[in-house]
Amino acid sequence: MKKAEFVGKVFIPLVAVVTVLSFIPFLSTSKKDITISQGQVEKTISLSIGQAQVKAFVANTGPLRQRGLGGRDDISNDEAMLFIFGNSALHGIWMKDMRFPIDIFWIDETLRIVFIKESVLPSSYPEVFAPNVPVKYVLETRAGFARENNVKIGTSVFLKNLLNHLAF
């Protein structure tokens, strides 16, 4: 077989196959990124806030934090959303695309609640609610959770397997 025949019959198809196969990881990554940015892939973490136990959806990336609970019709009494930030700051929360009122708890690095906003209404958007001290976490529950569970400033939060969810 001459060199030109080899290139035409073997090399070019081989390059074409390798090229097509090389795009497969990008296609799956792209689908994953879209899914995450739309908030469809949700990890959960168990946590205790005061005496209450909840399953918290983890918002530990920019797109997940931006979406938050927006777009959902409701959450149950034992569900919440935990926002995990890379650093302590005055992290603000808004009610964009929210359909139900929530209680918001700002939590410092020692896992103590330092600021609370109860029964925040969806109609408050575009107002941004922020603590008066730096926090690393924010927890959102359905409205009335703070009152029903006697959660106040200074209440401790216990997170299980937190280290598995610290990607930012």
N, C-alpha and C. Protein backbone atom coordinates (compact mmCIF):
# COMPACT_ATOMS: atom_id res chain seq x y z
N MET A 1 0.85 -1.16 0.00
CA MET A 1 0.00 0.00 0.00
C MET A 1 0.90 1.23 0.00
N LYS A 2 0.60 2.15 -0.88
CA LYS A 2 1.38 3.37 -0.96
C LYS A 2 1.01 4.29 0.18
N LYS A 3 1.90 5.22 0.47
CA LYS A 3 1.69 6.16 1.57
C LYS A 3 0.41 6.95 1.38
N ALA A 4 0.12 7.42 0.19
CA ALA A 4 -1.09 8.20 -0.08
C ALA A 4 -2.33 7.36 0.14
N GLU A 5 -2.30 6.09 -0.25
CA GLU A 5 -3.44 5.21 -0.04
C GLU A 5 -3.64 4.96 1.46
N PHE A 6 -2.54 4.76 2.20
CA PHE A 6 -2.62 4.56 3.65
C PHE A 6 -3.28 5.76 4.33
N VAL A 7 -2.86 6.96 3.97
CA VAL A 7 -3.42 8.18 4.56
C VAL A 7 -4.89 8.27 4.24
N GLY A 8 -5.26 7.99 3.01
CA GLY A 8 -6.66 8.10 2.60
C GLY A 8 -7.56 7.04 3.20
N LYS A 9 -7.09 5.81 3.32
CA LYS A 9 -7.93 4.70 3.75
C LYS A 9 -7.89 4.45 5.26
N VAL A 10 -6.79 4.75 5.91
CA VAL A 10 -6.65 4.42 7.33
C VAL A 10 -6.54 5.67 8.20
N PHE A 11 -5.64 6.53 7.88
CA PHE A 11 -5.33 7.66 8.75
C PHE A 11 -6.49 8.66 8.85
N ILE A 12 -7.07 9.05 7.74
CA ILE A 12 -8.15 10.06 7.77
C ILE A 12 -9.36 9.54 8.53
N PRO A 13 -9.85 8.32 8.28
CA PRO A 13 -10.97 7.83 9.09
C PRO A 13 -10.62 7.70 10.58
N LEU A 14 -9.38 7.30 10.86
CA LEU A 14 -8.95 7.20 12.25
C LEU A 14 -8.98 8.57 12.93
N VAL A 15 -8.49 9.60 12.26
CA VAL A 15 -8.52 10.96 12.79
C VAL A 15 -9.97 11.40 13.00
N ALA A 16 -10.84 11.07 12.07
CA ALA A 16 -12.26 11.45 12.20
C ALA A 16 -12.89 10.79 13.43
N VAL A 17 -12.62 9.52 13.65
CA VAL A 17 -13.17 8.81 14.82
C VAL A 17 -12.63 9.41 16.11
N VAL A 18 -11.34 9.64 16.17
CA VAL A 18 -10.73 10.23 17.37
C VAL A 18 -11.31 11.61 17.63
N THR A 19 -11.50 12.39 16.59
CA THR A 19 -12.06 13.73 16.74
C THR A 19 -13.48 13.65 17.31
N VAL A 20 -14.31 12.79 16.77
CA VAL A 20 -15.68 12.65 17.26
C VAL A 20 -15.67 12.18 18.71
N LEU A 21 -14.86 11.17 19.02
CA LEU A 21 -14.80 10.67 20.40
C LEU A 21 -14.29 11.72 21.38
N SER A 22 -13.44 12.60 20.93
CA SER A 22 -12.90 13.62 21.83
C SER A 22 -13.96 14.62 22.27
N PHE A 23 -15.05 14.72 21.52
CA PHE A 23 -16.11 15.66 21.90
C PHE A 23 -17.08 15.06 22.91
N ILE A 24 -17.08 13.77 23.11
CA ILE A 24 -18.01 13.14 24.03
C ILE A 24 -17.88 13.67 25.46
N PRO A 25 -16.68 13.80 26.02
CA PRO A 25 -16.60 14.38 27.38
C PRO A 25 -17.17 15.79 27.44
N PHE A 26 -17.00 16.57 26.39
CA PHE A 26 -17.53 17.93 26.41
C PHE A 26 -19.05 17.92 26.35
N LEU A 27 -19.62 16.98 25.60
CA LEU A 27 -21.07 16.90 25.53
C LEU A 27 -21.65 16.53 26.88
N SER A 28 -21.05 15.57 27.57
CA SER A 28 -21.59 15.20 28.87
C SER A 28 -21.35 16.31 29.90
N THR A 29 -20.21 16.99 29.84
CA THR A 29 -19.96 18.10 30.75
C THR A 29 -20.94 19.23 30.50
N SER A 30 -21.20 19.50 29.23
CA SER A 30 -22.14 20.56 28.89
C SER A 30 -23.52 20.26 29.46
N LYS A 31 -23.98 19.01 29.30
CA LYS A 31 -25.28 18.64 29.83
C LYS A 31 -25.29 18.79 31.34
N LYS A 32 -24.21 18.35 32.01
CA LYS A 32 -24.11 18.47 33.46
C LYS A 32 -24.14 19.93 33.89
N ASP A 33 -23.38 20.78 33.20
CA ASP A 33 -23.35 22.20 33.55
C ASP A 33 -24.73 22.83 33.39
N ILE A 34 -25.43 22.50 32.32
CA ILE A 34 -26.77 23.05 32.12
C ILE A 34 -27.69 22.59 33.24
N THR A 35 -27.60 21.31 33.56
CA THR A 35 -28.44 20.77 34.62
C THR A 35 -28.16 21.49 35.94
N ILE A 36 -26.90 21.65 36.29
CA ILE A 36 -26.56 22.31 37.53
C ILE A 36 -27.01 23.77 37.51
N SER A 37 -26.78 24.47 36.40
CA SER A 37 -27.13 25.89 36.36
C SER A 37 -28.63 26.09 36.46
N GLN A 38 -29.41 25.09 36.08
CA GLN A 38 -30.85 25.20 36.20
C GLN A 38 -31.34 24.68 37.55
N GLY A 39 -30.41 24.25 38.40
CA GLY A 39 -30.78 23.80 39.74
C GLY A 39 -31.40 22.42 39.78
N GLN A 40 -31.25 21.63 38.75
CA GLN A 40 -31.89 20.33 38.70
C GLN A 40 -31.10 19.25 39.44
N VAL A 41 -29.80 19.39 39.53
CA VAL A 41 -28.98 18.43 40.26
C VAL A 41 -28.84 18.95 41.68
N GLU A 42 -29.43 18.23 42.60
CA GLU A 42 -29.41 18.71 43.98
C GLU A 42 -28.80 17.68 44.90
N LYS A 43 -27.79 18.10 45.63
CA LYS A 43 -27.26 17.29 46.71
C LYS A 43 -27.98 17.74 47.97
N THR A 44 -28.08 16.85 48.91
CA THR A 44 -28.72 17.23 50.18
C THR A 44 -27.78 16.91 51.33
N ILE A 45 -28.04 17.58 52.42
CA ILE A 45 -27.28 17.38 53.64
C ILE A 45 -28.28 17.39 54.80
N SER A 46 -28.05 16.53 55.77
CA SER A 46 -28.89 16.53 56.97
C SER A 46 -28.32 17.55 57.94
N LEU A 47 -29.21 18.30 58.56
CA LEU A 47 -28.74 19.24 59.57
C LEU A 47 -29.76 19.39 60.67
N SER A 48 -29.27 19.85 61.80
CA SER A 48 -30.12 20.16 62.95
C SER A 48 -30.02 21.66 63.19
N ILE A 49 -31.17 22.25 63.39
CA ILE A 49 -31.22 23.67 63.73
C ILE A 49 -32.06 23.76 65.00
N GLY A 50 -31.39 24.03 66.11
CA GLY A 50 -32.06 23.90 67.40
C GLY A 50 -32.43 22.45 67.61
N GLN A 51 -33.70 22.18 67.88
CA GLN A 51 -34.18 20.81 68.08
C GLN A 51 -34.74 20.18 66.81
N ALA A 52 -34.83 20.94 65.73
CA ALA A 52 -35.43 20.44 64.49
C ALA A 52 -34.38 19.80 63.58
N GLN A 53 -34.79 18.75 62.89
CA GLN A 53 -33.97 18.07 61.90
C GLN A 53 -34.55 18.40 60.52
N VAL A 54 -33.68 18.76 59.57
CA VAL A 54 -34.14 19.03 58.22
C VAL A 54 -33.19 18.43 57.20
N LYS A 55 -33.72 18.21 56.02
CA LYS A 55 -32.92 17.81 54.86
C LYS A 55 -32.75 19.08 54.04
N ALA A 56 -31.51 19.52 53.89
CA ALA A 56 -31.25 20.78 53.20
C ALA A 56 -30.67 20.52 51.81
N PHE A 57 -31.26 21.15 50.81
CA PHE A 57 -30.68 21.16 49.48
C PHE A 57 -29.47 22.07 49.54
N VAL A 58 -28.36 21.65 48.95
CA VAL A 58 -27.11 22.40 49.05
C VAL A 58 -26.95 23.30 47.83
N ALA A 59 -26.75 24.59 48.09
CA ALA A 59 -26.45 25.57 47.04
C ALA A 59 -25.02 26.04 47.28
N ASN A 60 -24.06 25.37 46.64
CA ASN A 60 -22.65 25.66 46.90
C ASN A 60 -21.91 26.15 45.66
N THR A 61 -22.64 26.49 44.61
CA THR A 61 -22.04 27.07 43.41
C THR A 61 -22.79 28.34 43.07
N GLY A 62 -22.17 29.19 42.29
CA GLY A 62 -22.83 30.44 41.91
C GLY A 62 -24.21 30.25 41.30
N PRO A 63 -24.37 29.39 40.28
CA PRO A 63 -25.69 29.20 39.69
C PRO A 63 -26.72 28.64 40.66
N LEU A 64 -26.32 27.70 41.51
CA LEU A 64 -27.27 27.16 42.48
C LEU A 64 -27.66 28.20 43.52
N ARG A 65 -26.69 29.00 43.97
CA ARG A 65 -27.01 30.05 44.94
C ARG A 65 -27.92 31.10 44.32
N GLN A 66 -27.69 31.43 43.06
CA GLN A 66 -28.51 32.45 42.41
C GLN A 66 -29.95 31.98 42.27
N ARG A 67 -30.15 30.72 41.94
CA ARG A 67 -31.50 30.19 41.78
C ARG A 67 -32.17 29.97 43.13
N GLY A 68 -31.42 29.42 44.09
CA GLY A 68 -32.00 29.16 45.40
C GLY A 68 -33.25 28.32 45.32
N LEU A 69 -34.27 28.74 46.04
CA LEU A 69 -35.56 28.04 46.02
C LEU A 69 -36.50 28.59 44.95
N GLY A 70 -36.02 29.55 44.16
CA GLY A 70 -36.84 30.15 43.12
C GLY A 70 -37.35 29.11 42.14
N GLY A 71 -38.59 29.27 41.72
CA GLY A 71 -39.20 28.37 40.76
C GLY A 71 -39.93 27.19 41.37
N ARG A 72 -39.72 26.94 42.65
CA ARG A 72 -40.42 25.82 43.31
C ARG A 72 -41.79 26.30 43.79
N ASP A 73 -42.71 25.37 43.87
CA ASP A 73 -44.03 25.71 44.38
C ASP A 73 -44.07 25.75 45.90
N ASP A 74 -43.21 24.97 46.55
CA ASP A 74 -43.20 24.90 48.00
C ASP A 74 -42.08 23.96 48.44
N ILE A 75 -41.81 23.93 49.73
CA ILE A 75 -40.96 22.90 50.33
C ILE A 75 -41.71 22.37 51.55
N SER A 76 -41.36 21.18 51.97
CA SER A 76 -42.05 20.58 53.11
C SER A 76 -41.49 21.12 54.43
N ASN A 77 -42.14 20.75 55.52
CA ASN A 77 -41.74 21.21 56.85
C ASN A 77 -40.33 20.79 57.22
N ASP A 78 -39.87 19.66 56.68
CA ASP A 78 -38.55 19.16 57.05
C ASP A 78 -37.51 19.38 55.95
N GLU A 79 -37.76 20.33 55.06
CA GLU A 79 -36.81 20.67 54.00
C GLU A 79 -36.33 22.10 54.15
N ALA A 80 -35.14 22.36 53.59
CA ALA A 80 -34.56 23.69 53.64
C ALA A 80 -33.58 23.81 52.48
N MET A 81 -33.01 24.99 52.31
CA MET A 81 -31.90 25.17 51.38
C MET A 81 -30.77 25.81 52.14
N LEU A 82 -29.58 25.21 52.02
CA LEU A 82 -28.39 25.72 52.67
C LEU A 82 -27.47 26.31 51.62
N PHE A 83 -27.21 27.60 51.73
CA PHE A 83 -26.26 28.29 50.85
C PHE A 83 -24.90 28.25 51.53
N ILE A 84 -23.90 27.73 50.82
CA ILE A 84 -22.55 27.66 51.35
C ILE A 84 -21.68 28.60 50.52
N PHE A 85 -21.05 29.55 51.19
CA PHE A 85 -20.20 30.54 50.52
C PHE A 85 -18.73 30.25 50.82
N GLY A 86 -17.86 30.68 49.93
CA GLY A 86 -16.44 30.45 50.07
C GLY A 86 -15.79 31.28 51.15
N ASN A 87 -16.42 32.38 51.52
CA ASN A 87 -15.85 33.25 52.54
C ASN A 87 -16.97 33.92 53.34
N SER A 88 -16.63 34.40 54.49
CA SER A 88 -17.60 35.14 55.31
C SER A 88 -17.73 36.55 54.77
N ALA A 89 -18.96 36.99 54.63
CA ALA A 89 -19.26 38.34 54.13
C ALA A 89 -20.71 38.65 54.47
N LEU A 90 -21.17 39.81 54.06
CA LEU A 90 -22.56 40.21 54.27
C LEU A 90 -23.40 39.69 53.08
N HIS A 91 -23.57 38.38 53.01
CA HIS A 91 -24.25 37.74 51.89
C HIS A 91 -25.74 38.07 51.89
N GLY A 92 -26.19 38.68 50.80
CA GLY A 92 -27.59 39.07 50.66
C GLY A 92 -28.42 37.99 49.97
N ILE A 93 -29.71 38.00 50.29
CA ILE A 93 -30.67 37.05 49.72
C ILE A 93 -31.84 37.84 49.15
N TRP A 94 -32.31 37.40 47.98
CA TRP A 94 -33.48 38.04 47.37
C TRP A 94 -34.56 36.98 47.15
N MET A 95 -35.71 37.41 46.71
CA MET A 95 -36.85 36.50 46.51
C MET A 95 -37.18 36.34 45.02
N LYS A 96 -36.17 36.41 44.16
CA LYS A 96 -36.39 36.28 42.72
C LYS A 96 -37.02 34.91 42.41
N ASP A 97 -38.10 34.94 41.65
CA ASP A 97 -38.82 33.74 41.20
C ASP A 97 -39.39 32.89 42.33
N MET A 98 -39.50 33.45 43.53
CA MET A 98 -40.07 32.71 44.66
C MET A 98 -41.59 32.70 44.55
N ARG A 99 -42.18 31.60 45.04
CA ARG A 99 -43.63 31.42 44.98
C ARG A 99 -44.26 31.23 46.35
N PHE A 100 -43.42 31.27 47.40
CA PHE A 100 -43.93 31.08 48.75
C PHE A 100 -43.03 31.83 49.73
N PRO A 101 -43.58 32.24 50.88
CA PRO A 101 -42.76 32.96 51.87
C PRO A 101 -41.81 32.02 52.61
N ILE A 102 -40.70 32.59 53.07
CA ILE A 102 -39.67 31.79 53.76
C ILE A 102 -39.14 32.53 54.98
N ASP A 103 -38.52 31.76 55.86
CA ASP A 103 -37.69 32.30 56.93
C ASP A 103 -36.24 32.17 56.46
N ILE A 104 -35.42 33.18 56.75
CA ILE A 104 -34.02 33.16 56.33
C ILE A 104 -33.15 33.30 57.57
N PHE A 105 -32.14 32.41 57.66
CA PHE A 105 -31.23 32.40 58.80
C PHE A 105 -29.80 32.59 58.28
N TRP A 106 -29.10 33.59 58.81
CA TRP A 106 -27.70 33.80 58.45
C TRP A 106 -26.85 33.18 59.55
N ILE A 107 -25.85 32.38 59.14
CA ILE A 107 -25.08 31.55 60.06
C ILE A 107 -23.59 31.87 59.91
N ASP A 108 -22.92 32.11 61.02
CA ASP A 108 -21.49 32.46 60.95
C ASP A 108 -20.62 31.20 60.87
N GLU A 109 -19.31 31.40 60.85
CA GLU A 109 -18.37 30.28 60.72
C GLU A 109 -18.40 29.32 61.91
N THR A 110 -18.88 29.79 63.06
CA THR A 110 -18.98 28.92 64.23
C THR A 110 -20.29 28.14 64.25
N LEU A 111 -21.08 28.28 63.17
CA LEU A 111 -22.37 27.60 63.00
C LEU A 111 -23.41 28.06 64.02
N ARG A 112 -23.39 29.34 64.30
CA ARG A 112 -24.42 29.97 65.15
C ARG A 112 -25.21 30.96 64.30
N ILE A 113 -26.49 31.00 64.53
CA ILE A 113 -27.34 31.95 63.81
C ILE A 113 -27.08 33.34 64.35
N VAL A 114 -26.78 34.28 63.45
CA VAL A 114 -26.46 35.64 63.86
C VAL A 114 -27.48 36.66 63.36
N PHE A 115 -28.37 36.25 62.45
CA PHE A 115 -29.37 37.17 61.92
C PHE A 115 -30.53 36.35 61.37
N ILE A 116 -31.75 36.83 61.56
CA ILE A 116 -32.94 36.11 61.09
C ILE A 116 -33.90 37.11 60.44
N LYS A 117 -34.49 36.70 59.35
CA LYS A 117 -35.58 37.45 58.72
C LYS A 117 -36.73 36.47 58.53
N GLU A 118 -37.85 36.72 59.22
CA GLU A 118 -38.97 35.78 59.19
C GLU A 118 -40.04 36.19 58.18
N SER A 119 -40.68 35.18 57.62
CA SER A 119 -41.83 35.34 56.73
C SER A 119 -41.59 36.35 55.62
N VAL A 120 -40.50 36.18 54.90
CA VAL A 120 -40.18 37.06 53.78
C VAL A 120 -41.08 36.68 52.60
N LEU A 121 -41.77 37.65 52.05
CA LEU A 121 -42.76 37.40 51.00
C LEU A 121 -42.14 37.46 49.61
N PRO A 122 -42.65 36.66 48.68
CA PRO A 122 -42.17 36.73 47.30
C PRO A 122 -42.31 38.12 46.70
N SER A 123 -43.31 38.85 47.11
CA SER A 123 -43.55 40.19 46.56
C SER A 123 -42.49 41.20 46.99
N SER A 124 -41.59 40.81 47.90
CA SER A 124 -40.54 41.73 48.34
C SER A 124 -39.44 41.91 47.28
N TYR A 125 -39.39 41.01 46.28
CA TYR A 125 -38.38 41.14 45.22
C TYR A 125 -38.59 42.45 44.49
N PRO A 126 -37.56 43.26 44.24
CA PRO A 126 -36.14 42.97 44.19
C PRO A 126 -35.35 43.37 45.45
N GLU A 127 -36.03 43.58 46.56
CA GLU A 127 -35.31 43.92 47.79
C GLU A 127 -34.34 42.80 48.15
N VAL A 128 -33.16 43.17 48.65
CA VAL A 128 -32.15 42.22 49.07
C VAL A 128 -32.05 42.29 50.59
N PHE A 129 -32.09 41.14 51.23
CA PHE A 129 -31.99 41.06 52.68
C PHE A 129 -30.59 40.58 53.04
N ALA A 130 -29.94 41.27 53.96
CA ALA A 130 -28.56 40.94 54.31
C ALA A 130 -28.37 41.08 55.81
N PRO A 131 -27.42 40.33 56.35
CA PRO A 131 -27.15 40.41 57.78
C PRO A 131 -26.34 41.66 58.11
N ASN A 132 -26.21 41.92 59.40
CA ASN A 132 -25.39 43.06 59.83
C ASN A 132 -23.99 42.64 60.26
N VAL A 133 -23.70 41.33 60.18
CA VAL A 133 -22.36 40.80 60.47
C VAL A 133 -22.01 39.77 59.39
N PRO A 134 -20.72 39.53 59.16
CA PRO A 134 -20.33 38.55 58.13
C PRO A 134 -20.79 37.13 58.47
N VAL A 135 -21.21 36.40 57.44
CA VAL A 135 -21.65 35.02 57.58
C VAL A 135 -21.04 34.16 56.48
N LYS A 136 -21.02 32.87 56.70
CA LYS A 136 -20.52 31.93 55.70
C LYS A 136 -21.64 31.07 55.12
N TYR A 137 -22.76 30.99 55.83
CA TYR A 137 -23.88 30.15 55.41
C TYR A 137 -25.19 30.93 55.54
N VAL A 138 -26.15 30.55 54.71
CA VAL A 138 -27.51 31.06 54.83
C VAL A 138 -28.43 29.85 54.68
N LEU A 139 -29.44 29.78 55.54
CA LEU A 139 -30.41 28.70 55.49
C LEU A 139 -31.79 29.28 55.24
N GLU A 140 -32.51 28.70 54.29
CA GLU A 140 -33.88 29.11 54.01
C GLU A 140 -34.82 27.95 54.33
N THR A 141 -35.90 28.27 55.05
CA THR A 141 -36.92 27.28 55.38
C THR A 141 -38.27 27.87 54.99
N ARG A 142 -39.29 27.08 55.09
CA ARG A 142 -40.63 27.63 54.86
C ARG A 142 -40.95 28.64 55.96
N ALA A 143 -41.81 29.59 55.66
CA ALA A 143 -42.18 30.61 56.64
C ALA A 143 -42.82 29.96 57.86
N GLY A 144 -42.52 30.49 59.03
CA GLY A 144 -43.06 29.98 60.28
C GLY A 144 -42.14 29.00 60.99
N PHE A 145 -41.09 28.56 60.31
CA PHE A 145 -40.16 27.58 60.89
C PHE A 145 -39.50 28.12 62.16
N ALA A 146 -39.03 29.36 62.11
CA ALA A 146 -38.34 29.95 63.27
C ALA A 146 -39.26 29.97 64.49
N ARG A 147 -40.47 30.43 64.29
CA ARG A 147 -41.43 30.53 65.40
C ARG A 147 -41.81 29.15 65.92
N GLU A 148 -42.11 28.22 65.01
CA GLU A 148 -42.57 26.88 65.40
C GLU A 148 -41.48 26.08 66.10
N ASN A 149 -40.22 26.34 65.79
CA ASN A 149 -39.11 25.58 66.36
C ASN A 149 -38.27 26.37 67.35
N ASN A 150 -38.77 27.55 67.74
CA ASN A 150 -38.11 28.40 68.72
C ASN A 150 -36.65 28.69 68.35
N VAL A 151 -36.42 28.98 67.06
CA VAL A 151 -35.08 29.28 66.57
C VAL A 151 -34.85 30.78 66.72
N LYS A 152 -33.75 31.14 67.37
CA LYS A 152 -33.44 32.54 67.65
C LYS A 152 -31.97 32.81 67.33
N ILE A 153 -31.60 34.08 67.38
CA ILE A 153 -30.18 34.43 67.23
C ILE A 153 -29.41 33.73 68.34
N GLY A 154 -28.31 33.10 67.98
CA GLY A 154 -27.50 32.33 68.93
C GLY A 154 -27.75 30.84 68.86
N THR A 155 -28.85 30.43 68.22
CA THR A 155 -29.13 29.00 68.07
C THR A 155 -28.02 28.34 67.25
N SER A 156 -27.61 27.15 67.66
CA SER A 156 -26.57 26.40 66.94
C SER A 156 -27.17 25.58 65.80
N VAL A 157 -26.37 25.42 64.76
CA VAL A 157 -26.72 24.57 63.63
C VAL A 157 -25.67 23.48 63.56
N PHE A 158 -26.10 22.24 63.39
CA PHE A 158 -25.19 21.10 63.28
C PHE A 158 -25.33 20.52 61.89
N LEU A 159 -24.24 20.51 61.15
CA LEU A 159 -24.23 20.02 59.77
C LEU A 159 -23.52 18.68 59.71
N LYS A 160 -24.11 17.73 59.02
CA LYS A 160 -23.50 16.42 58.85
C LYS A 160 -22.86 16.35 57.47
N ASN A 161 -21.65 15.84 57.39
CA ASN A 161 -20.93 15.67 56.12
C ASN A 161 -20.75 16.97 55.36
N LEU A 162 -20.52 18.05 56.07
CA LEU A 162 -20.37 19.35 55.44
C LEU A 162 -19.20 19.38 54.46
N LEU A 163 -18.11 18.73 54.79
CA LEU A 163 -16.91 18.79 53.95
C LEU A 163 -17.16 18.25 52.55
N ASN A 164 -18.15 17.39 52.37
CA ASN A 164 -18.46 16.85 51.05
C ASN A 164 -19.11 17.89 50.14
N HIS A 165 -19.51 19.03 50.67
CA HIS A 165 -20.29 20.00 49.91
C HIS A 165 -19.64 21.37 49.81
N LEU A 166 -18.35 21.44 50.03
CA LEU A 166 -17.71 22.75 50.08
C LEU A 166 -17.20 23.28 48.75
N ALA A 167 -17.54 22.69 47.63
CA ALA A 167 -17.13 23.22 46.32
C ALA A 167 -17.86 24.55 46.09
N PHE A 168 -17.16 25.51 45.55
CA PHE A 168 -17.77 26.84 45.36
C PHE A 168 -17.92 27.13 43.90
